[in-house]
N, C-alpha and C. Protein backbone atom coordinates (compact mmCIF):
# COMPACT_ATOMS: atom_id res chain seq x y z
N MET A 1 203.24 48.61 336.57
CA MET A 1 204.09 48.95 335.45
C MET A 1 203.76 50.37 334.97
N THR A 2 204.77 51.09 334.57
CA THR A 2 204.58 52.44 334.07
C THR A 2 204.69 52.44 332.55
N GLU A 3 203.68 52.99 331.91
CA GLU A 3 203.71 53.17 330.46
C GLU A 3 204.41 54.49 330.19
N LYS A 4 205.39 54.48 329.30
CA LYS A 4 206.18 55.68 329.03
C LYS A 4 205.95 56.13 327.60
N ILE A 5 205.58 57.40 327.47
CA ILE A 5 205.29 58.00 326.17
C ILE A 5 206.28 59.13 325.94
N LEU A 6 206.89 59.16 324.77
CA LEU A 6 207.75 60.28 324.38
C LEU A 6 206.97 61.14 323.41
N LEU A 7 206.86 62.43 323.71
CA LEU A 7 206.09 63.36 322.89
C LEU A 7 207.00 64.48 322.38
N PRO A 8 207.51 64.36 321.15
CA PRO A 8 208.32 65.44 320.58
C PRO A 8 207.43 66.62 320.17
N LEU A 9 207.84 67.81 320.55
CA LEU A 9 207.12 69.03 320.19
C LEU A 9 208.12 70.05 319.67
N ASP A 10 207.67 70.84 318.70
CA ASP A 10 208.56 71.87 318.15
C ASP A 10 208.05 73.28 318.39
N GLY A 11 206.96 73.41 319.14
CA GLY A 11 206.42 74.73 319.42
C GLY A 11 205.38 75.20 318.43
N SER A 12 205.11 74.41 317.40
CA SER A 12 204.14 74.81 316.38
C SER A 12 202.80 74.13 316.60
N LYS A 13 201.76 74.65 315.96
CA LYS A 13 200.44 74.02 316.01
C LYS A 13 200.49 72.64 315.37
N VAL A 14 201.28 72.50 314.31
CA VAL A 14 201.44 71.19 313.67
C VAL A 14 202.02 70.20 314.68
N GLY A 15 203.05 70.62 315.39
CA GLY A 15 203.68 69.75 316.37
C GLY A 15 202.75 69.34 317.50
N GLU A 16 201.80 70.21 317.83
CA GLU A 16 200.88 69.94 318.93
C GLU A 16 199.70 69.06 318.52
N ALA A 17 199.61 68.68 317.26
CA ALA A 17 198.47 67.89 316.79
C ALA A 17 198.36 66.55 317.51
N ALA A 18 199.46 66.03 318.02
CA ALA A 18 199.42 64.74 318.72
C ALA A 18 198.94 64.85 320.16
N LEU A 19 198.91 66.06 320.72
CA LEU A 19 198.54 66.24 322.12
C LEU A 19 197.18 65.63 322.49
N PRO A 20 196.11 65.91 321.75
CA PRO A 20 194.81 65.32 322.13
C PRO A 20 194.82 63.79 322.12
N TYR A 21 195.60 63.21 321.23
CA TYR A 21 195.68 61.75 321.16
C TYR A 21 196.44 61.19 322.35
N VAL A 22 197.45 61.91 322.80
CA VAL A 22 198.18 61.48 323.99
C VAL A 22 197.27 61.59 325.21
N GLU A 23 196.49 62.67 325.29
CA GLU A 23 195.53 62.81 326.40
C GLU A 23 194.55 61.65 326.41
N GLU A 24 194.05 61.28 325.23
CA GLU A 24 193.12 60.16 325.13
C GLU A 24 193.79 58.85 325.54
N LEU A 25 195.02 58.66 325.13
CA LEU A 25 195.77 57.46 325.49
C LEU A 25 195.96 57.38 327.00
N ILE A 26 196.26 58.51 327.61
CA ILE A 26 196.41 58.56 329.07
C ILE A 26 195.10 58.11 329.73
N GLY A 27 193.98 58.64 329.24
CA GLY A 27 192.68 58.29 329.79
C GLY A 27 192.36 56.82 329.68
N LYS A 28 192.80 56.19 328.61
CA LYS A 28 192.55 54.75 328.41
C LYS A 28 193.45 53.89 329.30
N LEU A 29 194.64 54.37 329.59
CA LEU A 29 195.58 53.60 330.41
C LEU A 29 195.33 53.75 331.91
N LEU A 30 194.85 54.92 332.32
CA LEU A 30 194.57 55.16 333.74
C LEU A 30 193.19 54.61 334.08
N PRO A 31 192.88 54.20 335.26
CA PRO A 31 193.74 54.18 336.43
C PRO A 31 194.57 52.91 336.56
N GLY A 32 194.42 51.98 335.64
CA GLY A 32 195.11 50.70 335.75
C GLY A 32 196.61 50.78 335.62
N GLU A 33 197.12 51.69 334.84
CA GLU A 33 198.55 51.82 334.60
C GLU A 33 199.02 53.22 334.99
N ALA A 34 200.23 53.31 335.47
CA ALA A 34 200.85 54.62 335.67
C ALA A 34 201.35 55.08 334.30
N VAL A 35 201.20 56.36 334.02
CA VAL A 35 201.62 56.90 332.72
C VAL A 35 202.60 58.03 332.95
N GLU A 36 203.73 57.94 332.28
CA GLU A 36 204.76 58.97 332.35
C GLU A 36 204.99 59.49 330.93
N VAL A 37 204.82 60.79 330.75
CA VAL A 37 205.02 61.41 329.43
C VAL A 37 206.25 62.30 329.51
N THR A 38 207.17 62.09 328.59
CA THR A 38 208.34 62.96 328.47
C THR A 38 208.15 63.81 327.23
N LEU A 39 208.10 65.12 327.44
CA LEU A 39 208.00 66.07 326.33
C LEU A 39 209.41 66.48 325.95
N ILE A 40 209.71 66.44 324.67
CA ILE A 40 211.06 66.79 324.21
C ILE A 40 210.97 67.82 323.09
N GLN A 41 211.86 68.78 323.14
CA GLN A 41 212.03 69.72 322.03
C GLN A 41 213.50 69.70 321.66
N VAL A 42 213.76 69.57 320.36
CA VAL A 42 215.13 69.52 319.87
C VAL A 42 215.45 70.82 319.14
N LEU A 43 216.50 71.48 319.57
CA LEU A 43 216.97 72.69 318.90
C LEU A 43 217.98 72.24 317.85
N SER A 44 217.58 72.34 316.59
CA SER A 44 218.46 71.82 315.54
C SER A 44 219.01 72.90 314.62
N SER A 45 218.45 74.08 314.69
CA SER A 45 218.94 75.17 313.85
C SER A 45 219.74 76.12 314.73
N LEU A 46 221.04 75.96 314.72
CA LEU A 46 221.88 76.74 315.62
C LEU A 46 222.64 77.85 314.91
N SER A 47 222.10 78.27 313.78
CA SER A 47 222.68 79.42 313.08
C SER A 47 221.56 80.19 312.40
N HIS A 48 221.87 81.40 312.01
CA HIS A 48 220.90 82.24 311.31
C HIS A 48 221.63 83.05 310.25
N TYR A 49 220.86 83.66 309.39
CA TYR A 49 221.46 84.45 308.30
C TYR A 49 221.38 85.93 308.62
N ILE A 50 222.45 86.62 308.27
CA ILE A 50 222.50 88.08 308.39
C ILE A 50 222.60 88.63 306.98
N VAL A 51 221.77 89.62 306.69
CA VAL A 51 221.77 90.24 305.36
C VAL A 51 222.30 91.65 305.51
N ALA A 52 223.29 91.98 304.69
CA ALA A 52 223.85 93.32 304.65
C ALA A 52 223.94 93.73 303.18
N GLY A 53 223.02 94.57 302.76
CA GLY A 53 222.97 94.93 301.34
C GLY A 53 222.60 93.73 300.51
N GLU A 54 223.47 93.36 299.60
CA GLU A 54 223.21 92.19 298.76
C GLU A 54 223.92 90.94 299.27
N ALA A 55 224.70 91.09 300.31
CA ALA A 55 225.45 89.95 300.85
C ALA A 55 224.70 89.30 302.00
N THR A 56 224.83 88.00 302.09
CA THR A 56 224.27 87.27 303.23
C THR A 56 225.36 86.38 303.82
N ALA A 57 225.25 86.17 305.10
CA ALA A 57 226.22 85.30 305.77
C ALA A 57 225.49 84.46 306.81
N ARG A 58 225.87 83.20 306.90
CA ARG A 58 225.31 82.32 307.91
C ARG A 58 226.18 82.45 309.16
N VAL A 59 225.54 82.81 310.26
CA VAL A 59 226.26 83.09 311.49
C VAL A 59 225.73 82.18 312.60
N PRO A 60 226.63 81.49 313.31
CA PRO A 60 226.16 80.65 314.41
C PRO A 60 225.66 81.50 315.57
N TYR A 61 224.66 80.97 316.27
CA TYR A 61 224.20 81.64 317.48
C TYR A 61 225.30 81.59 318.53
N THR A 62 225.35 82.58 319.39
CA THR A 62 226.32 82.60 320.48
C THR A 62 225.82 81.69 321.61
N ALA A 63 226.71 81.35 322.51
CA ALA A 63 226.33 80.50 323.65
C ALA A 63 225.19 81.12 324.47
N PRO A 64 225.23 82.44 324.75
CA PRO A 64 224.10 83.03 325.48
C PRO A 64 222.78 82.95 324.70
N GLU A 65 222.85 83.10 323.37
CA GLU A 65 221.64 82.98 322.55
C GLU A 65 221.08 81.56 322.60
N ILE A 66 221.96 80.56 322.56
CA ILE A 66 221.52 79.17 322.63
C ILE A 66 220.91 78.88 324.00
N GLU A 67 221.51 79.41 325.05
CA GLU A 67 220.95 79.22 326.40
C GLU A 67 219.56 79.85 326.50
N GLU A 68 219.38 81.00 325.87
CA GLU A 68 218.06 81.65 325.87
C GLU A 68 217.05 80.82 325.09
N MET A 69 217.48 80.23 323.98
CA MET A 69 216.60 79.35 323.20
C MET A 69 216.19 78.13 324.03
N LYS A 70 217.14 77.57 324.77
CA LYS A 70 216.84 76.42 325.63
C LYS A 70 215.83 76.81 326.71
N LYS A 71 216.04 77.98 327.30
CA LYS A 71 215.15 78.46 328.35
C LYS A 71 213.73 78.64 327.81
N THR A 72 213.61 79.23 326.63
CA THR A 72 212.31 79.43 326.00
C THR A 72 211.64 78.09 325.71
N ALA A 73 212.41 77.13 325.21
CA ALA A 73 211.88 75.80 324.91
C ALA A 73 211.40 75.12 326.20
N GLU A 74 212.17 75.23 327.26
CA GLU A 74 211.79 74.62 328.54
C GLU A 74 210.50 75.23 329.07
N GLN A 75 210.36 76.55 328.95
CA GLN A 75 209.14 77.21 329.41
C GLN A 75 207.93 76.73 328.61
N TYR A 76 208.10 76.59 327.30
CA TYR A 76 207.02 76.09 326.45
C TYR A 76 206.62 74.67 326.87
N LEU A 77 207.60 73.80 327.07
CA LEU A 77 207.30 72.42 327.46
C LEU A 77 206.62 72.35 328.82
N GLU A 78 207.08 73.17 329.76
CA GLU A 78 206.47 73.18 331.09
C GLU A 78 205.02 73.64 331.03
N LYS A 79 204.74 74.62 330.20
CA LYS A 79 203.36 75.10 330.03
C LYS A 79 202.51 74.00 329.40
N THR A 80 203.05 73.32 328.41
CA THR A 80 202.31 72.28 327.70
C THR A 80 202.07 71.06 328.59
N MET A 81 203.00 70.73 329.47
CA MET A 81 202.86 69.53 330.29
C MET A 81 201.73 69.64 331.30
N GLU A 82 201.29 70.85 331.61
CA GLU A 82 200.20 71.03 332.57
C GLU A 82 198.94 70.31 332.11
N VAL A 83 198.67 70.33 330.81
CA VAL A 83 197.49 69.66 330.25
C VAL A 83 197.56 68.16 330.51
N LEU A 84 198.74 67.59 330.33
CA LEU A 84 198.92 66.15 330.50
C LEU A 84 198.88 65.76 331.98
N GLU A 85 199.35 66.63 332.83
CA GLU A 85 199.28 66.36 334.27
C GLU A 85 197.83 66.38 334.74
N LYS A 86 197.02 67.28 334.19
CA LYS A 86 195.59 67.32 334.54
C LYS A 86 194.90 66.03 334.10
N ALA A 87 195.41 65.41 333.04
CA ALA A 87 194.84 64.14 332.56
C ALA A 87 195.29 62.97 333.44
N GLY A 88 196.24 63.20 334.34
CA GLY A 88 196.66 62.17 335.28
C GLY A 88 198.05 61.60 335.08
N ALA A 89 198.77 62.08 334.10
CA ALA A 89 200.11 61.56 333.84
C ALA A 89 201.15 62.30 334.67
N THR A 90 202.26 61.63 334.94
CA THR A 90 203.42 62.34 335.45
C THR A 90 204.22 62.77 334.22
N THR A 91 204.92 63.87 334.33
CA THR A 91 205.60 64.41 333.15
C THR A 91 207.04 64.77 333.45
N ASN A 92 207.82 64.76 332.38
CA ASN A 92 209.21 65.21 332.39
C ASN A 92 209.42 66.03 331.13
N THR A 93 210.42 66.87 331.15
CA THR A 93 210.76 67.62 329.94
C THR A 93 212.24 67.44 329.63
N ARG A 94 212.53 67.55 328.33
CA ARG A 94 213.92 67.49 327.86
C ARG A 94 214.06 68.49 326.73
N VAL A 95 215.14 69.23 326.76
CA VAL A 95 215.52 70.09 325.64
C VAL A 95 216.89 69.61 325.19
N GLU A 96 216.98 69.21 323.93
CA GLU A 96 218.22 68.68 323.39
C GLU A 96 218.69 69.55 322.23
N VAL A 97 219.95 69.46 321.90
CA VAL A 97 220.53 70.17 320.77
C VAL A 97 221.10 69.13 319.82
N GLY A 98 220.71 69.20 318.54
CA GLY A 98 221.23 68.25 317.56
C GLY A 98 220.24 68.03 316.44
N GLN A 99 220.41 66.92 315.72
CA GLN A 99 219.49 66.55 314.65
C GLN A 99 218.23 65.98 315.31
N ALA A 100 217.07 66.51 314.91
CA ALA A 100 215.82 66.17 315.60
C ALA A 100 215.56 64.67 315.67
N ALA A 101 215.60 63.98 314.54
CA ALA A 101 215.27 62.55 314.54
C ALA A 101 216.24 61.76 315.42
N GLU A 102 217.52 62.06 315.31
CA GLU A 102 218.52 61.34 316.10
C GLU A 102 218.30 61.55 317.60
N GLU A 103 218.01 62.78 317.99
CA GLU A 103 217.81 63.08 319.41
C GLU A 103 216.52 62.44 319.93
N ILE A 104 215.49 62.40 319.10
CA ILE A 104 214.22 61.76 319.50
C ILE A 104 214.44 60.26 319.71
N ILE A 105 215.11 59.63 318.76
CA ILE A 105 215.39 58.19 318.87
C ILE A 105 216.24 57.90 320.10
N LYS A 106 217.25 58.73 320.32
CA LYS A 106 218.14 58.54 321.48
C LYS A 106 217.35 58.69 322.79
N ALA A 107 216.52 59.72 322.88
CA ALA A 107 215.73 59.95 324.09
C ALA A 107 214.76 58.81 324.34
N ALA A 108 214.13 58.30 323.27
CA ALA A 108 213.19 57.18 323.42
C ALA A 108 213.89 55.97 324.01
N GLY A 109 215.10 55.71 323.58
CA GLY A 109 215.87 54.60 324.15
C GLY A 109 216.26 54.84 325.59
N GLU A 110 216.69 56.06 325.89
CA GLU A 110 217.14 56.37 327.25
C GLU A 110 216.02 56.27 328.28
N ILE A 111 214.83 56.71 327.90
CA ILE A 111 213.71 56.64 328.86
C ILE A 111 212.95 55.33 328.76
N GLN A 112 213.35 54.48 327.82
CA GLN A 112 212.68 53.21 327.56
C GLN A 112 211.20 53.43 327.25
N ALA A 113 210.95 54.33 326.29
CA ALA A 113 209.58 54.66 325.89
C ALA A 113 208.87 53.45 325.31
N ASN A 114 207.60 53.31 325.68
CA ASN A 114 206.76 52.27 325.09
C ASN A 114 206.24 52.71 323.73
N ILE A 115 206.13 54.03 323.55
CA ILE A 115 205.62 54.58 322.29
C ILE A 115 206.11 56.02 322.13
N ILE A 116 206.31 56.41 320.89
CA ILE A 116 206.61 57.80 320.54
C ILE A 116 205.36 58.33 319.85
N ALA A 117 204.82 59.44 320.32
CA ALA A 117 203.64 60.04 319.70
C ALA A 117 204.05 61.36 319.09
N MET A 118 203.91 61.47 317.78
CA MET A 118 204.33 62.70 317.12
C MET A 118 203.42 63.02 315.95
N SER A 119 203.47 64.26 315.52
CA SER A 119 202.64 64.68 314.41
C SER A 119 203.50 64.86 313.16
N SER A 120 202.80 64.95 312.05
CA SER A 120 203.47 65.08 310.76
C SER A 120 202.75 66.14 309.94
N HIS A 121 203.52 66.80 309.09
CA HIS A 121 202.93 67.79 308.18
C HIS A 121 202.08 67.13 307.12
N GLY A 122 202.32 65.86 306.86
CA GLY A 122 201.56 65.16 305.83
C GLY A 122 202.02 65.49 304.43
N ARG A 123 203.29 65.85 304.29
CA ARG A 123 203.82 66.14 302.96
C ARG A 123 203.91 64.85 302.15
N SER A 124 203.85 65.02 300.85
CA SER A 124 204.03 63.87 299.97
C SER A 124 204.75 64.31 298.71
N GLY A 125 205.15 63.34 297.94
CA GLY A 125 205.76 63.62 296.65
C GLY A 125 207.04 64.42 296.74
N LEU A 126 207.16 65.41 295.84
CA LEU A 126 208.37 66.21 295.74
C LEU A 126 208.66 66.99 297.02
N SER A 127 207.63 67.51 297.65
CA SER A 127 207.82 68.26 298.89
C SER A 127 208.45 67.38 299.97
N ARG A 128 207.97 66.15 300.09
CA ARG A 128 208.52 65.23 301.08
C ARG A 128 209.97 64.90 300.76
N TRP A 129 210.26 64.70 299.49
CA TRP A 129 211.62 64.38 299.07
C TRP A 129 212.55 65.56 299.34
N ALA A 130 212.09 66.76 299.01
CA ALA A 130 212.93 67.95 299.13
C ALA A 130 213.20 68.31 300.59
N PHE A 131 212.18 68.25 301.43
CA PHE A 131 212.32 68.69 302.81
C PHE A 131 212.63 67.56 303.78
N GLY A 132 212.38 66.34 303.35
CA GLY A 132 212.57 65.21 304.25
C GLY A 132 211.54 65.24 305.35
N SER A 133 211.62 64.33 306.24
CA SER A 133 210.65 64.28 307.32
C SER A 133 211.30 63.71 308.56
N VAL A 134 211.22 64.47 309.63
CA VAL A 134 211.73 63.98 310.91
C VAL A 134 210.95 62.72 311.28
N THR A 135 209.65 62.75 311.05
CA THR A 135 208.81 61.59 311.38
C THR A 135 209.27 60.35 310.62
N ASP A 136 209.54 60.50 309.32
CA ASP A 136 210.04 59.36 308.53
C ASP A 136 211.32 58.80 309.12
N ARG A 137 212.23 59.68 309.49
CA ARG A 137 213.52 59.22 310.03
C ARG A 137 213.35 58.52 311.38
N VAL A 138 212.40 59.00 312.19
CA VAL A 138 212.13 58.34 313.47
C VAL A 138 211.50 56.96 313.21
N LEU A 139 210.57 56.90 312.27
CA LEU A 139 209.94 55.61 311.94
C LEU A 139 210.96 54.59 311.47
N ARG A 140 211.89 55.02 310.65
CA ARG A 140 212.88 54.10 310.07
C ARG A 140 214.04 53.78 311.02
N GLY A 141 214.39 54.73 311.87
CA GLY A 141 215.59 54.56 312.68
C GLY A 141 215.36 54.10 314.10
N GLY A 142 214.14 54.24 314.59
CA GLY A 142 213.87 53.87 315.98
C GLY A 142 213.37 52.45 316.12
N SER A 143 213.32 51.98 317.36
CA SER A 143 212.84 50.63 317.60
C SER A 143 211.49 50.62 318.33
N GLN A 144 211.03 51.79 318.79
CA GLN A 144 209.75 51.87 319.48
C GLN A 144 208.61 52.07 318.47
N PRO A 145 207.40 51.64 318.85
CA PRO A 145 206.24 51.97 318.02
C PRO A 145 206.06 53.49 317.98
N VAL A 146 205.55 53.98 316.85
CA VAL A 146 205.35 55.42 316.68
C VAL A 146 203.90 55.67 316.30
N LEU A 147 203.23 56.51 317.09
CA LEU A 147 201.89 56.97 316.76
C LEU A 147 202.07 58.27 315.98
N VAL A 148 201.67 58.27 314.71
CA VAL A 148 201.82 59.45 313.87
C VAL A 148 200.45 60.08 313.65
N VAL A 149 200.34 61.35 313.98
CA VAL A 149 199.10 62.10 313.80
C VAL A 149 199.32 63.12 312.70
N LYS A 150 198.52 63.05 311.66
CA LYS A 150 198.61 64.04 310.59
C LYS A 150 197.96 65.32 311.08
N ALA A 151 198.70 66.40 310.96
CA ALA A 151 198.18 67.70 311.41
C ALA A 151 197.01 68.11 310.53
N PRO A 152 195.99 68.74 311.12
CA PRO A 152 194.86 69.20 310.32
C PRO A 152 195.30 70.22 309.28
N LYS A 153 194.58 70.27 308.18
CA LYS A 153 194.90 71.25 307.14
C LYS A 153 194.79 72.65 307.71
N GLY A 154 195.65 73.51 307.23
CA GLY A 154 195.62 74.90 307.68
C GLY A 154 196.48 75.16 308.91
N THR A 155 197.16 74.13 309.42
CA THR A 155 198.02 74.37 310.59
C THR A 155 199.46 74.46 310.17
């Protein structure tokens, strides 16, 4: 049987906080189980602001800009997956466009993940309410178990 882990990453140090735990999980499952880790990055901000004097405008990225963002994300995931391959796992990468939580939940279902391993900023109170949490939405909306790693302070 193959154990399947979905590892959402956003390119930040906070997002990478779950990596050591996934490596440890791989070590505990091998050699008895095959382990497949799918690294996913979701591009959810598809517009940016342009400032001209006192005016600002929200402008969508062009198709070539989005393709470049996808390419950059894929390169990041491929670089990151090398660590997990050294630990003995087989790896896949996915770059999706959309709302992060929805795409993570959808990918977990499509690959039939046994677990989603992700990190959290550890916000609470007003900050959590104001900014929301992708992790919270995955916990509430998904059907797979979720390993949540709180990012170390200062990341």
